[in-house]
Amino acid sequence: MFLAGGALWLCFALGFAVFLAMYLGGGAGLQFFGGPVSPGSVLLGLVHLVGLCTAILICFAIGVGLCARGIAGEKAIEGMSDAEITE
């Protein structure tokens, strides 16, 4: 179950990455304000870029954690002491 959940979170990260690539290819904020590049369009594009990169990193971290937990399983953790788990 952990492995399937991790795979889905990795797919979410991939989906955000594809959306980010399409957004950057489409002008990254220029479509909202007409005319030449304005400070508002640059700021909007930067906010979207930072937000999407954060979403990608969070989804990737959750997905890798769940996949690792699914691969290692409960048996690997049961044989360890509390000091070994926290290290």
N, C-alpha and C. Protein backbone atom coordinates (compact mmCIF):
# COMPACT_ATOMS: atom_id res chain seq x y z
N MET A 1 0.81 -1.19 0.00
CA MET A 1 0.00 0.00 0.00
C MET A 1 0.86 1.27 0.00
N PHE A 2 1.96 1.21 0.80
CA PHE A 2 2.86 2.36 0.83
C PHE A 2 3.50 2.59 -0.53
N LEU A 3 3.83 1.50 -1.20
CA LEU A 3 4.48 1.61 -2.50
C LEU A 3 3.54 2.24 -3.53
N ALA A 4 2.29 1.85 -3.52
CA ALA A 4 1.31 2.44 -4.45
C ALA A 4 1.08 3.91 -4.14
N GLY A 5 0.97 4.24 -2.86
CA GLY A 5 0.80 5.64 -2.48
C GLY A 5 2.00 6.48 -2.86
N GLY A 6 3.21 5.93 -2.67
CA GLY A 6 4.42 6.64 -3.07
C GLY A 6 4.48 6.86 -4.56
N ALA A 7 4.07 5.86 -5.32
CA ALA A 7 4.06 6.00 -6.78
C ALA A 7 3.09 7.09 -7.21
N LEU A 8 1.94 7.17 -6.55
CA LEU A 8 0.98 8.22 -6.89
C LEU A 8 1.53 9.61 -6.57
N TRP A 9 2.20 9.76 -5.43
CA TRP A 9 2.80 11.06 -5.08
C TRP A 9 3.89 11.43 -6.07
N LEU A 10 4.66 10.44 -6.54
CA LEU A 10 5.67 10.73 -7.56
C LEU A 10 5.02 11.15 -8.88
N CYS A 11 3.86 10.56 -9.18
CA CYS A 11 3.12 10.97 -10.38
C CYS A 11 2.60 12.40 -10.24
N PHE A 12 2.17 12.78 -9.02
CA PHE A 12 1.75 14.15 -8.79
C PHE A 12 2.91 15.11 -9.03
N ALA A 13 4.09 14.75 -8.55
CA ALA A 13 5.28 15.59 -8.75
C ALA A 13 5.59 15.71 -10.24
N LEU A 14 5.49 14.60 -10.96
CA LEU A 14 5.72 14.63 -12.40
C LEU A 14 4.69 15.50 -13.11
N GLY A 15 3.43 15.41 -12.67
CA GLY A 15 2.39 16.25 -13.26
C GLY A 15 2.64 17.73 -13.04
N PHE A 16 3.06 18.09 -11.82
CA PHE A 16 3.41 19.49 -11.55
C PHE A 16 4.59 19.93 -12.41
N ALA A 17 5.57 19.04 -12.61
CA ALA A 17 6.73 19.37 -13.43
C ALA A 17 6.33 19.60 -14.89
N VAL A 18 5.45 18.77 -15.40
CA VAL A 18 4.97 18.94 -16.78
C VAL A 18 4.20 20.26 -16.90
N PHE A 19 3.34 20.54 -15.90
CA PHE A 19 2.60 21.80 -15.92
C PHE A 19 3.54 22.99 -15.86
N LEU A 20 4.60 22.90 -15.03
CA LEU A 20 5.57 23.98 -14.92
C LEU A 20 6.30 24.19 -16.25
N ALA A 21 6.68 23.10 -16.91
CA ALA A 21 7.35 23.22 -18.21
C ALA A 21 6.45 23.88 -19.24
N MET A 22 5.16 23.49 -19.24
CA MET A 22 4.22 24.11 -20.18
C MET A 22 3.99 25.58 -19.84
N TYR A 23 3.93 25.90 -18.56
CA TYR A 23 3.72 27.28 -18.11
C TYR A 23 4.91 28.15 -18.50
N LEU A 24 6.13 27.64 -18.29
CA LEU A 24 7.31 28.40 -18.67
C LEU A 24 7.40 28.56 -20.19
N GLY A 25 7.03 27.53 -20.91
CA GLY A 25 7.04 27.61 -22.37
C GLY A 25 6.00 28.56 -22.92
N GLY A 26 4.92 28.77 -22.16
CA GLY A 26 3.85 29.66 -22.60
C GLY A 26 4.04 31.11 -22.22
N GLY A 27 5.13 31.44 -21.55
CA GLY A 27 5.38 32.84 -21.23
C GLY A 27 5.43 33.16 -19.76
N ALA A 28 5.01 32.28 -18.90
CA ALA A 28 5.12 32.42 -17.45
C ALA A 28 4.60 33.75 -16.92
N GLY A 29 3.36 34.04 -17.18
CA GLY A 29 2.74 35.24 -16.63
C GLY A 29 2.48 36.32 -17.66
N LEU A 30 3.10 36.23 -18.82
CA LEU A 30 2.89 37.26 -19.83
C LEU A 30 1.48 37.24 -20.40
N GLN A 31 0.82 36.09 -20.31
CA GLN A 31 -0.52 35.98 -20.88
C GLN A 31 -1.56 36.73 -20.04
N PHE A 32 -1.24 37.08 -18.79
CA PHE A 32 -2.21 37.76 -17.94
C PHE A 32 -2.21 39.27 -18.15
N PHE A 33 -1.09 39.83 -18.54
CA PHE A 33 -0.98 41.27 -18.76
C PHE A 33 -0.58 41.49 -20.21
N GLY A 34 -1.33 42.33 -20.90
CA GLY A 34 -1.03 42.58 -22.30
C GLY A 34 0.17 43.49 -22.46
N GLY A 35 0.72 43.49 -23.64
CA GLY A 35 1.82 44.39 -23.94
C GLY A 35 3.17 43.83 -23.55
N PRO A 36 4.12 44.73 -23.39
CA PRO A 36 5.49 44.29 -23.09
C PRO A 36 5.60 43.74 -21.66
N VAL A 37 6.77 43.29 -21.33
CA VAL A 37 7.03 42.73 -20.01
C VAL A 37 6.89 43.82 -18.96
N SER A 38 6.05 43.58 -17.98
CA SER A 38 5.84 44.55 -16.91
C SER A 38 6.30 43.95 -15.58
N PRO A 39 6.53 44.79 -14.58
CA PRO A 39 6.92 44.25 -13.28
C PRO A 39 5.86 43.30 -12.70
N GLY A 40 4.60 43.56 -12.97
CA GLY A 40 3.54 42.69 -12.48
C GLY A 40 3.61 41.31 -13.08
N SER A 41 3.89 41.22 -14.38
CA SER A 41 3.97 39.90 -15.01
C SER A 41 5.20 39.13 -14.56
N VAL A 42 6.31 39.84 -14.33
CA VAL A 42 7.51 39.18 -13.83
C VAL A 42 7.27 38.65 -12.43
N LEU A 43 6.64 39.45 -11.58
CA LEU A 43 6.36 39.03 -10.21
C LEU A 43 5.39 37.85 -10.19
N LEU A 44 4.36 37.91 -11.01
CA LEU A 44 3.40 36.81 -11.08
C LEU A 44 4.06 35.52 -11.55
N GLY A 45 4.90 35.62 -12.56
CA GLY A 45 5.62 34.45 -13.05
C GLY A 45 6.55 33.88 -12.00
N LEU A 46 7.23 34.76 -11.24
CA LEU A 46 8.14 34.30 -10.20
C LEU A 46 7.40 33.61 -9.07
N VAL A 47 6.26 34.15 -8.68
CA VAL A 47 5.46 33.54 -7.62
C VAL A 47 4.96 32.16 -8.05
N HIS A 48 4.51 32.05 -9.28
CA HIS A 48 4.06 30.75 -9.79
C HIS A 48 5.22 29.77 -9.86
N LEU A 49 6.38 30.23 -10.31
CA LEU A 49 7.55 29.37 -10.41
C LEU A 49 7.95 28.83 -9.04
N VAL A 50 8.03 29.69 -8.05
CA VAL A 50 8.41 29.26 -6.70
C VAL A 50 7.36 28.31 -6.13
N GLY A 51 6.09 28.62 -6.30
CA GLY A 51 5.03 27.77 -5.78
C GLY A 51 5.02 26.39 -6.41
N LEU A 52 5.19 26.33 -7.72
CA LEU A 52 5.19 25.04 -8.40
C LEU A 52 6.44 24.22 -8.05
N CYS A 53 7.58 24.88 -7.92
CA CYS A 53 8.80 24.16 -7.51
C CYS A 53 8.64 23.61 -6.10
N THR A 54 8.02 24.37 -5.22
CA THR A 54 7.77 23.90 -3.86
C THR A 54 6.83 22.69 -3.88
N ALA A 55 5.79 22.76 -4.68
CA ALA A 55 4.85 21.63 -4.79
C ALA A 55 5.55 20.39 -5.33
N ILE A 56 6.43 20.57 -6.30
CA ILE A 56 7.17 19.44 -6.86
C ILE A 56 8.05 18.81 -5.79
N LEU A 57 8.77 19.63 -5.04
CA LEU A 57 9.67 19.11 -4.01
C LEU A 57 8.91 18.39 -2.90
N ILE A 58 7.79 18.95 -2.47
CA ILE A 58 7.00 18.32 -1.41
C ILE A 58 6.43 16.98 -1.88
N CYS A 59 5.86 16.96 -3.07
CA CYS A 59 5.30 15.70 -3.60
C CYS A 59 6.40 14.66 -3.80
N PHE A 60 7.56 15.10 -4.28
CA PHE A 60 8.67 14.16 -4.47
C PHE A 60 9.14 13.59 -3.14
N ALA A 61 9.27 14.44 -2.12
CA ALA A 61 9.73 13.97 -0.81
C ALA A 61 8.75 12.98 -0.19
N ILE A 62 7.47 13.28 -0.28
CA ILE A 62 6.46 12.37 0.26
C ILE A 62 6.47 11.05 -0.52
N GLY A 63 6.57 11.12 -1.84
CA GLY A 63 6.58 9.91 -2.65
C GLY A 63 7.78 9.03 -2.39
N VAL A 64 8.96 9.63 -2.26
CA VAL A 64 10.16 8.84 -1.98
C VAL A 64 10.06 8.22 -0.59
N GLY A 65 9.56 8.98 0.38
CA GLY A 65 9.41 8.45 1.73
C GLY A 65 8.46 7.27 1.78
N LEU A 66 7.33 7.39 1.10
CA LEU A 66 6.37 6.29 1.09
C LEU A 66 6.90 5.07 0.34
N CYS A 67 7.60 5.30 -0.77
CA CYS A 67 8.18 4.17 -1.51
C CYS A 67 9.25 3.47 -0.68
N ALA A 68 10.08 4.24 0.00
CA ALA A 68 11.12 3.63 0.84
C ALA A 68 10.49 2.82 1.96
N ARG A 69 9.43 3.36 2.55
CA ARG A 69 8.74 2.64 3.62
C ARG A 69 8.10 1.36 3.07
N GLY A 70 7.55 1.44 1.88
CA GLY A 70 6.94 0.26 1.27
C GLY A 70 7.96 -0.80 0.90
N ILE A 71 9.13 -0.39 0.45
CA ILE A 71 10.16 -1.35 0.08
C ILE A 71 10.80 -1.97 1.31
N ALA A 72 11.13 -1.13 2.30
CA ALA A 72 11.78 -1.64 3.51
C ALA A 72 10.80 -2.45 4.35
N GLY A 73 9.58 -1.98 4.46
CA GLY A 73 8.56 -2.70 5.19
C GLY A 73 8.70 -2.58 6.70
N GLU A 74 7.76 -3.17 7.38
CA GLU A 74 7.72 -3.13 8.83
C GLU A 74 8.82 -3.98 9.46
N LYS A 75 9.20 -5.08 8.81
CA LYS A 75 10.16 -6.01 9.40
C LYS A 75 11.52 -5.35 9.59
N ALA A 76 11.92 -4.49 8.68
CA ALA A 76 13.22 -3.82 8.81
C ALA A 76 13.23 -2.87 10.00
N ILE A 77 12.10 -2.26 10.30
CA ILE A 77 12.03 -1.32 11.41
C ILE A 77 11.84 -2.05 12.74
N GLU A 78 11.14 -3.18 12.76
CA GLU A 78 10.89 -3.91 14.00
C GLU A 78 12.18 -4.43 14.63
N GLY A 79 13.17 -4.81 13.84
CA GLY A 79 14.40 -5.36 14.37
C GLY A 79 15.38 -4.31 14.87
N MET A 80 15.06 -3.03 14.71
CA MET A 80 15.97 -1.97 15.10
C MET A 80 15.58 -1.39 16.47
N SER A 81 16.57 -0.91 17.19
CA SER A 81 16.28 -0.23 18.45
C SER A 81 15.88 1.21 18.17
N ASP A 82 15.38 1.89 19.19
CA ASP A 82 14.96 3.28 19.02
C ASP A 82 16.12 4.18 18.63
N ALA A 83 17.31 3.92 19.14
CA ALA A 83 18.47 4.74 18.83
C ALA A 83 18.87 4.58 17.37
N GLU A 84 18.72 3.38 16.82
CA GLU A 84 19.07 3.16 15.41
C GLU A 84 18.07 3.79 14.48
N ILE A 85 16.82 3.84 14.87
CA ILE A 85 15.79 4.43 14.01
C ILE A 85 15.97 5.93 13.89
N THR A 86 16.32 6.59 14.99
CA THR A 86 16.44 8.05 14.98
C THR A 86 17.73 8.54 14.35
N GLU A 87 18.72 7.68 14.16
CA GLU A 87 19.99 8.11 13.57
C GLU A 87 19.89 8.28 12.08
